[in-house]
């Protein structure tokens, strides 16, 4: 049976089932764009849809099992893209539905009962987001050579490698690294400022809540990835500051598909094995799918690489990892108007890594086990017309257990457990409110209730176990409008299309006051082939539960100890607070985007996109001081309280988990009292930091005939014009772009893909710009980093031996020229320095893998 998969047809790709680079250009032309002249004869339906997509520059989404074996009708005359697709589908039993800026092909009978069309960035079915969206297709995933979701996302230029990833264990501000997971960090604003969804639903975070672990998402089950590179709290609530990454998994499949991929690195270490299987069936009014994936990665040590590392050869650059993942979905129509879908996921990952801490201490082995389980149910009811009610429940739990053996060579064992859980219920109503001359005014209204829980447990053979827990409840109301003002039905000079969107979300946390976030956007097409878009929004990030729960400690010192100039200190006692802070509030952001798409009718298959963004991220939560000796420095005045009221001091002392009195001679207890405190340094989590960033993305796609096949040229580039951080509002703004462990000004991925008959070949270039090491008195240049990825694929068809039919072979060579990462000196005194910047380069080297897929 044919394999079910989703393919995207784009103008610039000309070959609609193929696009070259993950993170390619944003959405294509509009389905109701200006009419074009078509002259297509009867032919296989898939070929006809390719031709329409190529000529019109529109994205078409169609399952293989729907188009396979069907013939297209003759398409002739001057038609819009949607009209051309509908003409081709005549008599096929299929119909075309709008899905944002795309056209989706579904079964005509009970089309509204089919798979929901997930459009990231809007709650309205068929709504077109006015923010830029980057899409990574199933074909791009297969050609990427990635054996994990983390590897796939590191290829997207808009995603910064900083934060938790399997290679980055030496950068600044790294937490949760021993869980060996990986997060997403759009625009470099932090992994908790990027919202991660699976099938449009939230996941519980990992570790201490600092990131959502995407490495637990099975890459073989992903149908496509939609990346919204703009704030979206008006749609989704907390965390959608830098953007949204939505992993859309397979939901329909008929037959059995198996996958095997083996790979290694040519410098040694890093052997990889990926095994997977998908099995699915459907019946009258229902369907089921079960997917399994196994991944086994070998470690890479510093001694496996010949470039300068500068530290112990046994240092792990990549950990050992074994992971099992299962994903399943069952759907059933309960009546002509009501349908039910249930999905479940489970991943179990075990990792081992030798880990070196600072100060010369060695933890000879860190073992981590992460288990993530999710269960979701969705009921959909058609209420008449195009109105639909959607109600869903979603439960997700992520538990991580870490064991550190032989800590500091003392034969001790440390155990650290974390558990994050989330339960949410939501209901949404959407449909057409009224008919305007340009089309229906669509609206969506909804409500959501979510509960989040956190628990950690830390046990050593030296100290008593420590347990910290926290929970909170979030309630939300949201609404959205999609208002078409001008379309093909009422176009006018210089206005081919005009759409205005508006959304708002009220979110109430039981631990602090409610937040309201709006978003407005506009889409304007003045001429055929030219469109502009712009949006403005506010977004927020709620504090992590570990940042607000648990406890803080109060330290009492002789008054002069916390002063930069002890002579300025009055008699008395200085107090420092360290730990969590129940008083912190959400982080806030404002963002603005403007962009355009150019698809000249005179050059079929060419698509150019550009998007500018500016983000101001305030009230950021940080520990503002590296040392509590800051009194007297103007930059830290926001966290210093001089001459505090005695009542305030008493409250802080009463709320502390421990009060440690070092106010006496030689730091002995001095019997300090609240009335003696002359200054407080608040070194807890605080809303003090500010970040401002602006930049632009550019994209290019161009497809044309070459020889017996088609060639496509693809480019996705991201350029950061500025990224400034302030530790406190009183501190100077520091430009951090193009510095170690920070985002670089240029990142791009682009190349060529050729497809002819059963063959596919691609060559992709990845590039990161040069920068300066500013950690020393004299700046040291760090060179740019460019690698080339190659892919050769063969799909066996009817002309091949019967035993080979249904098989797809793929050979991937990543970093084909074995480029070493640019040298970056370790931090002075670091025992974990590895001689390169792991957030902007990789020590994996040339990787070769062979993939075999078979549909049975």
Foldseek 3Di string as FASTA:
>chain_A
DDWWAKWKAFQLALQGRDDAAAQFFFFWAAQQFFWDFDWDAKDQLVVQLSNLRNQQGHIEIEIPVLRPPDIFHTAGDTDGSQVRNQNRCPPSQWHWDAAARHIYIAGNQLRVLDDQRDDPQDPAGNHHHLFTKTKFAPNNLVQQLDQFPQSRLLRHFQWFLFEEAQQDDADPPHDPNLQRFGATQGNQPARLLEFEAEQNHGAWCDDLRRHRGRRQPGSVFFRMKMWGQAARCLPVNANRHRTYIYGYGDDATAFKKKKWKWWAFPLDAWTKIKIKMKHKHADVFKIKIKIKMKIWTTWDFLLSDDDFFPFDRRATSGWTKIKIKMKMKIKGAPDSFKIKMKIKMKMKMKIKGWDDDFPRKTQGIKIKIKMKIKIKMKMKGCDDDRKIKIKMKMKMKMKMKMWTACTSVPRKIKIKIKMKIKIKIKMKIKDFPDADQAGGKIKMKMKMKMKMKMKMWIDIPVDHIDIWIDMKIKIKIKMKIKAWDADCRHADAQFHTKIKMKMKMWMQIPLDGIDIKIKIKMKTGGDRQKIKMKMKMKGKHFDRGQQQTDFKEKEKAFQQPLEPGSVPGDGFIAIEIEGHHSPQGIKMKIKMKMKMWGQDSVATSKIKIKMKMKMKIALDKDQLDPDSSCPPPQLQVVQKDFQDDLVVQVVNNVRGPYYQALHDPPRDHDVHHSNRHGMYGYRGTGRFKIKIWIWMKMKIWRKDDDDQWIKIKIKIKIFTPFIWMRSGPRGDTDTDEQEFSGHHGIWMKIWMWIDHDFKIKIKMKTKGQKGWHPPDPDIDTWHIDMFIKIKIKGADDPVDPPVRHQKMKMKIKTSVVFDAATFDARDPSGNSRGGHRPRRDGRSTIMIMMMMMGGD
